[in-house]
Amino acid sequence: MKYDERISKLKDEIDKARDLKIRSEAKLEQLNIQREQILSELRNLNIQPEDLEDEICKLENEIEQLLFKAESLLPKKH
């Protein structure tokens, strides 16, 4: 391969890498915006991010109890 072909190939690879970097930075910015929105929603619900797993478990238990209560109010089939 001639030098000019190798240089052209390197230039193309650099351009591809630059495009990938730009797309990756844009995606990172979008993800950071989403993260801030989620954290803001959690703050509005008075939930700390580190307490999220506990809160999910608490809500799952509450749903389970309410479903059990609703099922117990239905007439039993014979």
N, C-alpha and C. Protein backbone atom coordinates (compact mmCIF):
# COMPACT_ATOMS: atom_id res chain seq x y z
N MET A 1 0.86 -1.18 0.00
CA MET A 1 0.00 0.00 0.00
C MET A 1 0.90 1.24 0.00
N LYS A 2 0.51 2.19 -0.79
CA LYS A 2 1.30 3.41 -0.89
C LYS A 2 1.06 4.31 0.32
N TYR A 3 1.99 5.21 0.54
CA TYR A 3 1.90 6.10 1.69
C TYR A 3 0.62 6.94 1.65
N ASP A 4 0.28 7.47 0.48
CA ASP A 4 -0.91 8.32 0.41
C ASP A 4 -2.18 7.53 0.70
N GLU A 5 -2.22 6.25 0.30
CA GLU A 5 -3.37 5.40 0.61
C GLU A 5 -3.45 5.13 2.11
N ARG A 6 -2.30 4.87 2.70
CA ARG A 6 -2.26 4.61 4.15
C ARG A 6 -2.68 5.85 4.92
N ILE A 7 -2.18 6.99 4.47
CA ILE A 7 -2.54 8.26 5.13
C ILE A 7 -4.03 8.52 4.98
N SER A 8 -4.58 8.26 3.79
CA SER A 8 -6.01 8.45 3.55
C SER A 8 -6.84 7.52 4.44
N LYS A 9 -6.38 6.28 4.55
CA LYS A 9 -7.07 5.32 5.42
C LYS A 9 -7.04 5.78 6.88
N LEU A 10 -5.88 6.25 7.33
CA LEU A 10 -5.76 6.76 8.69
C LEU A 10 -6.69 7.95 8.91
N LYS A 11 -6.76 8.84 7.92
CA LYS A 11 -7.64 10.00 8.02
C LYS A 11 -9.10 9.57 8.15
N ASP A 12 -9.50 8.59 7.34
CA ASP A 12 -10.87 8.07 7.42
C ASP A 12 -11.15 7.49 8.81
N GLU A 13 -10.21 6.73 9.34
CA GLU A 13 -10.39 6.14 10.67
C GLU A 13 -10.48 7.22 11.75
N ILE A 14 -9.68 8.25 11.62
CA ILE A 14 -9.73 9.37 12.57
C ILE A 14 -11.09 10.06 12.50
N ASP A 15 -11.59 10.26 11.27
CA ASP A 15 -12.90 10.88 11.10
C ASP A 15 -14.01 10.04 11.73
N LYS A 16 -13.93 8.71 11.52
CA LYS A 16 -14.93 7.81 12.12
C LYS A 16 -14.86 7.88 13.64
N ALA A 17 -13.65 7.89 14.18
CA ALA A 17 -13.48 7.95 15.64
C ALA A 17 -14.00 9.28 16.17
N ARG A 18 -13.77 10.36 15.44
CA ARG A 18 -14.25 11.68 15.87
C ARG A 18 -15.79 11.71 15.88
N ASP A 19 -16.40 11.12 14.83
CA ASP A 19 -17.87 11.06 14.78
C ASP A 19 -18.42 10.23 15.94
N LEU A 20 -17.77 9.11 16.21
CA LEU A 20 -18.20 8.26 17.32
C LEU A 20 -18.08 9.01 18.65
N LYS A 21 -17.01 9.76 18.81
CA LYS A 21 -16.81 10.54 20.03
C LYS A 21 -17.92 11.58 20.19
N ILE A 22 -18.26 12.26 19.09
CA ILE A 22 -19.31 13.29 19.14
C ILE A 22 -20.65 12.65 19.50
N ARG A 23 -20.96 11.51 18.87
CA ARG A 23 -22.23 10.83 19.18
C ARG A 23 -22.25 10.35 20.63
N SER A 24 -21.11 9.84 21.08
CA SER A 24 -21.03 9.35 22.47
C SER A 24 -21.19 10.49 23.47
N GLU A 25 -20.59 11.62 23.18
CA GLU A 25 -20.74 12.78 24.07
C GLU A 25 -22.18 13.27 24.11
N ALA A 26 -22.85 13.26 22.95
CA ALA A 26 -24.25 13.68 22.90
C ALA A 26 -25.12 12.71 23.70
N LYS A 27 -24.86 11.41 23.57
CA LYS A 27 -25.62 10.41 24.32
C LYS A 27 -25.38 10.57 25.82
N LEU A 28 -24.12 10.82 26.20
CA LEU A 28 -23.80 11.03 27.61
C LEU A 28 -24.54 12.24 28.16
N GLU A 29 -24.61 13.30 27.37
CA GLU A 29 -25.34 14.49 27.81
C GLU A 29 -26.82 14.18 28.01
N GLN A 30 -27.41 13.41 27.09
CA GLN A 30 -28.82 13.02 27.24
C GLN A 30 -29.02 12.19 28.49
N LEU A 31 -28.12 11.25 28.73
CA LEU A 31 -28.24 10.40 29.92
C LEU A 31 -28.09 11.21 31.20
N ASN A 32 -27.20 12.19 31.21
CA ASN A 32 -27.05 13.04 32.39
C ASN A 32 -28.31 13.86 32.63
N ILE A 33 -28.94 14.34 31.57
CA ILE A 33 -30.20 15.08 31.70
C ILE A 33 -31.27 14.17 32.28
N GLN A 34 -31.37 12.94 31.75
CA GLN A 34 -32.36 11.98 32.27
C GLN A 34 -32.09 11.68 33.75
N ARG A 35 -30.83 11.51 34.09
CA ARG A 35 -30.46 11.22 35.48
C ARG A 35 -30.93 12.34 36.39
N GLU A 36 -30.68 13.58 35.99
CA GLU A 36 -31.10 14.72 36.80
C GLU A 36 -32.62 14.79 36.92
N GLN A 37 -33.33 14.46 35.85
CA GLN A 37 -34.79 14.45 35.90
C GLN A 37 -35.29 13.40 36.88
N ILE A 38 -34.68 12.23 36.84
CA ILE A 38 -35.08 11.15 37.75
C ILE A 38 -34.78 11.53 39.19
N LEU A 39 -33.61 12.09 39.42
CA LEU A 39 -33.26 12.52 40.79
C LEU A 39 -34.21 13.61 41.27
N SER A 40 -34.61 14.49 40.38
CA SER A 40 -35.55 15.54 40.74
C SER A 40 -36.92 14.94 41.11
N GLU A 41 -37.36 13.96 40.32
CA GLU A 41 -38.63 13.29 40.62
C GLU A 41 -38.56 12.59 41.97
N LEU A 42 -37.43 11.94 42.25
CA LEU A 42 -37.27 11.27 43.54
C LEU A 42 -37.32 12.27 44.68
N ARG A 43 -36.66 13.42 44.51
CA ARG A 43 -36.70 14.45 45.55
C ARG A 43 -38.13 14.93 45.77
N ASN A 44 -38.89 15.09 44.68
CA ASN A 44 -40.29 15.52 44.81
C ASN A 44 -41.13 14.50 45.57
N LEU A 45 -40.72 13.24 45.50
CA LEU A 45 -41.42 12.17 46.23
C LEU A 45 -40.81 11.94 47.61
N ASN A 46 -39.87 12.78 47.98
CA ASN A 46 -39.16 12.66 49.26
C ASN A 46 -38.48 11.30 49.42
N ILE A 47 -37.87 10.83 48.34
CA ILE A 47 -37.14 9.57 48.35
C ILE A 47 -35.69 9.86 47.99
N GLN A 48 -34.80 9.37 48.84
CA GLN A 48 -33.38 9.51 48.55
C GLN A 48 -32.96 8.37 47.61
N PRO A 49 -32.08 8.63 46.67
CA PRO A 49 -31.67 7.57 45.73
C PRO A 49 -31.17 6.31 46.43
N GLU A 50 -30.45 6.48 47.53
CA GLU A 50 -29.93 5.31 48.23
C GLU A 50 -31.04 4.50 48.92
N ASP A 51 -32.23 5.09 49.07
CA ASP A 51 -33.36 4.40 49.71
C ASP A 51 -34.33 3.81 48.69
N LEU A 52 -34.00 3.90 47.42
CA LEU A 52 -34.92 3.50 46.37
C LEU A 52 -35.27 2.02 46.43
N GLU A 53 -34.30 1.15 46.64
CA GLU A 53 -34.57 -0.29 46.73
C GLU A 53 -35.53 -0.60 47.88
N ASP A 54 -35.29 0.03 49.03
CA ASP A 54 -36.18 -0.18 50.18
C ASP A 54 -37.59 0.31 49.86
N GLU A 55 -37.68 1.45 49.19
CA GLU A 55 -38.99 2.00 48.84
C GLU A 55 -39.73 1.08 47.87
N ILE A 56 -39.01 0.51 46.92
CA ILE A 56 -39.63 -0.43 45.97
C ILE A 56 -40.16 -1.65 46.72
N CYS A 57 -39.36 -2.19 47.63
CA CYS A 57 -39.81 -3.35 48.43
C CYS A 57 -41.04 -3.00 49.25
N LYS A 58 -41.03 -1.82 49.86
CA LYS A 58 -42.16 -1.36 50.67
C LYS A 58 -43.43 -1.28 49.81
N LEU A 59 -43.31 -0.72 48.61
CA LEU A 59 -44.46 -0.59 47.73
C LEU A 59 -44.94 -1.95 47.23
N GLU A 60 -44.02 -2.86 46.94
CA GLU A 60 -44.40 -4.20 46.52
C GLU A 60 -45.18 -4.90 47.63
N ASN A 61 -44.72 -4.76 48.88
CA ASN A 61 -45.43 -5.36 50.01
C ASN A 61 -46.82 -4.75 50.17
N GLU A 62 -46.91 -3.45 50.01
CA GLU A 62 -48.20 -2.77 50.12
C GLU A 62 -49.16 -3.25 49.04
N ILE A 63 -48.67 -3.41 47.82
CA ILE A 63 -49.50 -3.92 46.72
C ILE A 63 -49.97 -5.33 47.03
N GLU A 64 -49.06 -6.16 47.52
CA GLU A 64 -49.40 -7.54 47.86
C GLU A 64 -50.49 -7.58 48.94
N GLN A 65 -50.37 -6.75 49.97
CA GLN A 65 -51.37 -6.70 51.03
C GLN A 65 -52.72 -6.24 50.51
N LEU A 66 -52.71 -5.22 49.67
CA LEU A 66 -53.96 -4.71 49.12
C LEU A 66 -54.63 -5.73 48.20
N LEU A 67 -53.84 -6.45 47.42
CA LEU A 67 -54.42 -7.50 46.57
C LEU A 67 -55.02 -8.61 47.42
N PHE A 68 -54.31 -9.01 48.47
CA PHE A 68 -54.82 -10.04 49.36
C PHE A 68 -56.14 -9.59 50.00
N LYS A 69 -56.18 -8.34 50.43
CA LYS A 69 -57.39 -7.79 51.04
C LYS A 69 -58.54 -7.77 50.04
N ALA A 70 -58.27 -7.33 48.81
CA ALA A 70 -59.31 -7.29 47.78
C ALA A 70 -59.80 -8.68 47.47
N GLU A 71 -58.90 -9.65 47.37
CA GLU A 71 -59.29 -11.03 47.07
C GLU A 71 -60.12 -11.61 48.22
N SER A 72 -59.81 -11.22 49.43
CA SER A 72 -60.54 -11.78 50.58
C SER A 72 -61.96 -11.20 50.65
N LEU A 73 -62.21 -10.09 50.01
CA LEU A 73 -63.54 -9.48 50.03
C LEU A 73 -64.46 -10.09 48.96
N LEU A 74 -63.89 -10.82 48.02
CA LEU A 74 -64.71 -11.43 46.97
C LEU A 74 -65.38 -12.69 47.52
N PRO A 75 -66.58 -12.97 47.01
CA PRO A 75 -67.24 -14.20 47.47
C PRO A 75 -66.44 -15.44 47.05
N LYS A 76 -66.44 -16.43 47.90
CA LYS A 76 -65.70 -17.66 47.62
C LYS A 76 -66.54 -18.54 46.69
N LYS A 77 -65.84 -19.17 45.72
CA LYS A 77 -66.51 -20.12 44.82
C LYS A 77 -66.58 -21.47 45.49
N HIS A 78 -67.67 -22.17 45.24
CA HIS A 78 -67.83 -23.53 45.83
C HIS A 78 -67.54 -24.57 44.82
